[in-house]
Amino acid sequence: MAVEFPPYVNATGILNSIFKKIVEAPPPPRFTQDFLTTKLGFKKGSANAVIPFLKRIGFLGSDGVPTELYSKFRNPSKAGHALAQGMKMGYQDFYSRNEYWHNLDKKELSGLIVEATGSAQNSSTLQAILNTIAVLKQYAKFDGAEENNNEQSEEKVTAQKTNEEVIITHQKKSKDDLGINLSYTINLNLPETSDIAVFDAIFKSLKENLLKK
């Protein structure tokens, strides 16, 4: 069974220029060879591999139409996260082997590529993959800030004391626009004591060990 190599281009020097042009030029209805040569000014030849490459990292659809990732990359505040998402699409096999492979040094990354593709240690293909990834990592941001925006939640904790019983209501509101609100109630029977430190310790423990779950 033939091994599918990860996205790469042999002339990696062209990638930096391509990414700069993508930011500068308005998105075309379809990203074609004519657009690449006529509008962006790249000659045929080394630039021919760019379109298949952009498709594999999710910047273009199979029909050459620019995707949402393409648009996000043109936004300076989202460019890094957009390219990181593109790498996660294009290098899925690497992520299945090591979810932090993009943090590996060159030697460790070479070993991973050899393992995944069967390439020889001194092959030109291995070097081209390494060089391509090096260019992508200059732009990509993997801190997950944008991705985690939809996972964040607002929490609200209220407490009501009735004699020796405290009723605690904990609400979590999703920010992903799904309209989902989660809540539960805890009935807590407090010990008979006038020492406020006891109550402080109880509520602190609840907050740290239960309400944040």
Protein backbone atom coordinates (compact mmCIF):
# COMPACT_ATOMS: atom_id res chain seq x y z
CA MET A 1 0.00 0.00 0.00
CA ALA A 2 1.44 3.36 -1.07
CA VAL A 3 2.17 5.84 1.71
CA GLU A 4 0.65 9.30 1.30
CA PHE A 5 3.26 11.94 1.97
CA PRO A 6 2.32 15.00 4.02
CA PRO A 7 1.88 18.36 2.26
CA TYR A 8 5.14 19.81 0.99
CA VAL A 9 6.65 21.75 -1.88
CA ASN A 10 10.15 21.36 -3.22
CA ALA A 11 10.73 25.08 -3.78
CA THR A 12 9.97 26.13 -0.21
CA GLY A 13 11.40 29.59 -0.81
CA ILE A 14 8.24 30.41 -2.75
CA LEU A 15 5.92 29.76 0.21
CA ASN A 16 6.82 32.95 2.06
CA SER A 17 6.09 34.96 -1.08
CA ILE A 18 2.82 33.11 -1.65
CA PHE A 19 1.59 33.79 1.88
CA LYS A 20 2.46 37.48 1.59
CA LYS A 21 0.60 37.73 -1.72
CA ILE A 22 -2.45 35.96 -0.26
CA VAL A 23 -2.62 38.68 2.40
CA GLU A 24 -2.12 41.52 -0.07
CA ALA A 25 -4.38 40.44 -2.95
CA PRO A 26 -8.20 40.23 -2.73
CA PRO A 27 -9.38 36.58 -2.70
CA PRO A 28 -10.30 35.33 -6.18
CA PRO A 29 -13.53 33.44 -6.93
CA ARG A 30 -11.26 30.49 -7.67
CA PHE A 31 -7.53 30.20 -6.98
CA THR A 32 -6.26 28.99 -10.36
CA GLN A 33 -2.93 28.80 -12.15
CA ASP A 34 -3.99 31.87 -14.13
CA PHE A 35 -4.58 33.77 -10.87
CA LEU A 36 -1.23 32.54 -9.56
CA THR A 37 0.69 33.71 -12.62
CA THR A 38 -1.30 36.74 -13.80
CA LYS A 39 -2.53 38.31 -10.57
CA LEU A 40 0.13 37.20 -8.11
CA GLY A 41 3.01 37.29 -10.59
CA PHE A 42 4.46 33.81 -10.14
CA LYS A 43 5.85 31.97 -13.13
CA LYS A 44 4.74 28.48 -13.97
CA GLY A 45 7.05 25.71 -12.87
CA SER A 46 8.02 25.81 -9.22
CA ALA A 47 4.71 27.50 -8.37
CA ASN A 48 2.64 24.68 -9.89
CA ALA A 49 2.68 22.72 -6.62
CA VAL A 50 1.25 25.61 -4.63
CA ILE A 51 -2.42 25.02 -5.45
CA PRO A 52 -2.46 21.31 -4.44
CA PHE A 53 -0.53 22.29 -1.31
CA LEU A 54 -3.05 24.99 -0.34
CA LYS A 55 -5.87 22.49 -0.84
CA ARG A 56 -4.27 20.00 1.51
CA ILE A 57 -3.89 22.52 4.32
CA GLY A 58 -7.51 23.62 3.95
CA PHE A 59 -6.93 27.05 2.40
CA LEU A 60 -8.67 26.04 -0.83
CA GLY A 61 -11.56 23.71 -1.53
CA SER A 62 -11.25 20.88 -4.01
CA ASP A 63 -12.63 23.27 -6.66
CA GLY A 64 -10.03 25.93 -5.87
CA VAL A 65 -12.44 28.23 -4.06
CA PRO A 66 -10.78 30.01 -1.08
CA THR A 67 -12.07 28.70 2.25
CA GLU A 68 -12.78 30.36 5.58
CA LEU A 69 -9.22 29.52 6.68
CA TYR A 70 -7.93 31.43 3.65
CA SER A 71 -9.98 34.46 4.73
CA LYS A 72 -8.86 34.17 8.37
CA PHE A 73 -5.22 34.01 7.30
CA ARG A 74 -5.64 37.42 5.67
CA ASN A 75 -6.67 38.83 9.06
CA PRO A 76 -3.47 39.66 11.02
CA SER A 77 -5.14 38.84 14.34
CA LYS A 78 -6.20 35.38 13.13
CA ALA A 79 -3.45 34.46 10.68
CA GLY A 80 -1.37 32.40 13.09
CA HIS A 81 -4.29 30.35 14.34
CA ALA A 82 -5.59 29.86 10.81
CA LEU A 83 -2.32 28.35 9.67
CA ALA A 84 -2.11 26.21 12.80
CA GLN A 85 -5.56 24.82 11.94
CA GLY A 86 -4.38 24.23 8.39
CA MET A 87 -1.42 22.24 9.67
CA LYS A 88 -3.73 20.14 11.82
CA MET A 89 -5.72 19.31 8.70
CA GLY A 90 -2.75 18.61 6.47
CA TYR A 91 -0.61 16.72 8.98
CA GLN A 92 -3.22 14.58 10.71
CA ASP A 93 -1.00 11.50 10.65
CA PHE A 94 1.74 13.33 12.53
CA TYR A 95 -0.76 14.49 15.16
CA SER A 96 -2.02 10.94 15.60
CA ARG A 97 1.54 9.94 16.47
CA ASN A 98 2.42 12.94 18.63
CA GLU A 99 -0.05 15.73 19.31
CA TYR A 100 2.85 18.11 19.98
CA TRP A 101 4.99 17.10 17.01
CA HIS A 102 5.20 20.74 15.90
CA ASN A 103 7.36 21.37 19.00
CA LEU A 104 9.93 18.70 18.11
CA ASP A 105 13.45 19.74 17.19
CA LYS A 106 14.78 18.99 13.70
CA LYS A 107 16.32 15.63 14.62
CA GLU A 108 13.20 14.39 16.38
CA LEU A 109 10.96 15.66 13.59
CA SER A 110 13.13 13.92 10.98
CA GLY A 111 12.68 10.66 12.89
CA LEU A 112 8.92 11.13 12.99
CA ILE A 113 8.75 11.81 9.24
CA VAL A 114 10.90 8.76 8.48
CA GLU A 115 8.64 6.67 10.70
CA ALA A 116 5.45 7.99 9.11
CA THR A 117 6.52 7.98 5.45
CA GLY A 118 9.27 5.43 5.16
CA SER A 119 11.57 8.03 3.61
CA ALA A 120 15.31 7.54 3.67
CA GLN A 121 17.24 9.67 6.16
CA ASN A 122 19.14 11.42 3.38
CA SER A 123 16.31 11.75 0.87
CA SER A 124 15.46 15.02 -0.88
CA THR A 125 11.79 14.43 -0.04
CA LEU A 126 12.52 14.35 3.68
CA GLN A 127 14.44 17.61 3.40
CA ALA A 128 11.64 19.24 1.40
CA ILE A 129 9.08 18.23 4.05
CA LEU A 130 11.31 19.60 6.82
CA ASN A 131 11.82 22.87 4.95
CA THR A 132 8.10 23.21 4.24
CA ILE A 133 7.20 22.67 7.89
CA ALA A 134 9.86 25.19 8.96
CA VAL A 135 8.19 27.86 6.80
CA LEU A 136 4.71 27.03 8.14
CA LYS A 137 5.89 27.20 11.74
CA GLN A 138 7.09 30.77 11.16
CA TYR A 139 3.46 31.80 10.76
CA ALA A 140 1.51 29.27 12.85
CA LYS A 141 0.39 29.90 16.43
CA PHE A 142 -0.48 26.82 18.44
CA ASP A 143 -1.48 28.40 21.74
CA GLY A 144 -5.13 27.62 20.91
CA ALA A 145 -6.44 31.02 21.96
CA GLU A 146 -8.96 31.26 19.14
CA GLU A 147 -9.99 27.62 19.28
CA ASN A 148 -10.66 27.82 23.01
CA ASN A 149 -12.90 30.87 22.69
CA ASN A 150 -15.89 28.62 22.02
CA GLU A 151 -14.99 26.31 24.88
CA GLN A 152 -14.84 28.97 27.55
CA SER A 153 -17.83 29.31 29.84
CA GLU A 154 -19.23 31.73 32.32
CA GLU A 155 -19.81 30.32 35.80
CA LYS A 156 -22.17 31.66 38.39
CA VAL A 157 -22.31 30.35 41.94
CA THR A 158 -24.94 31.46 44.40
CA ALA A 159 -25.53 30.39 47.99
CA GLN A 160 -28.55 30.71 50.21
CA LYS A 161 -28.54 29.83 53.91
CA THR A 162 -31.65 28.44 55.55
CA ASN A 163 -31.04 27.67 59.23
CA GLU A 164 -28.25 25.04 59.20
CA GLU A 165 -28.61 24.17 55.54
CA VAL A 166 -26.93 25.96 52.65
CA ILE A 167 -28.32 25.56 49.15
CA ILE A 168 -25.70 26.16 46.48
CA THR A 169 -26.67 26.64 42.84
CA HIS A 170 -23.95 26.37 40.22
CA GLN A 171 -24.58 27.52 36.65
CA LYS A 172 -22.37 27.21 33.61
CA LYS A 173 -23.24 29.17 30.49
CA SER A 174 -21.76 28.18 27.15
CA LYS A 175 -20.30 30.82 24.84
CA ASP A 176 -20.61 28.74 21.69
CA ASP A 177 -24.01 30.25 20.81
CA LEU A 178 -25.74 26.90 21.28
CA GLY A 179 -27.96 28.31 24.02
CA ILE A 180 -27.00 25.58 26.48
CA ASN A 181 -27.07 26.37 30.20
CA LEU A 182 -26.07 23.77 32.77
CA SER A 183 -26.98 24.02 36.44
CA TYR A 184 -27.16 21.86 39.52
CA THR A 185 -28.04 22.35 43.19
CA ILE A 186 -26.09 21.15 46.23
CA ASN A 187 -27.80 20.86 49.60
CA LEU A 188 -25.15 21.21 52.30
CA ASN A 189 -25.82 20.56 55.99
CA LEU A 190 -23.41 22.71 57.99
CA PRO A 191 -21.95 21.71 61.36
CA GLU A 192 -23.00 23.58 64.48
CA THR A 193 -20.16 26.01 65.07
CA SER A 194 -19.57 29.72 65.45
CA ASP A 195 -16.08 29.52 63.95
CA ILE A 196 -16.25 31.34 60.59
CA ALA A 197 -13.00 29.65 59.51
CA VAL A 198 -14.88 26.35 59.30
CA PHE A 199 -17.36 27.77 56.80
CA ASP A 200 -14.58 29.44 54.80
CA ALA A 201 -12.77 26.11 54.54
CA ILE A 202 -15.94 24.33 53.38
CA PHE A 203 -16.70 26.81 50.62
CA LYS A 204 -13.07 26.92 49.51
CA SER A 205 -12.99 23.16 49.21
CA LEU A 206 -16.24 23.11 47.24
CA LYS A 207 -14.95 25.73 44.81
CA GLU A 208 -11.62 24.01 44.22
CA ASN A 209 -12.75 20.39 44.11
CA LEU A 210 -16.33 20.34 42.88
CA LEU A 211 -17.59 23.53 41.30
CA LYS A 212 -14.78 23.68 38.77
CA LYS A 213 -15.40 20.16 37.45
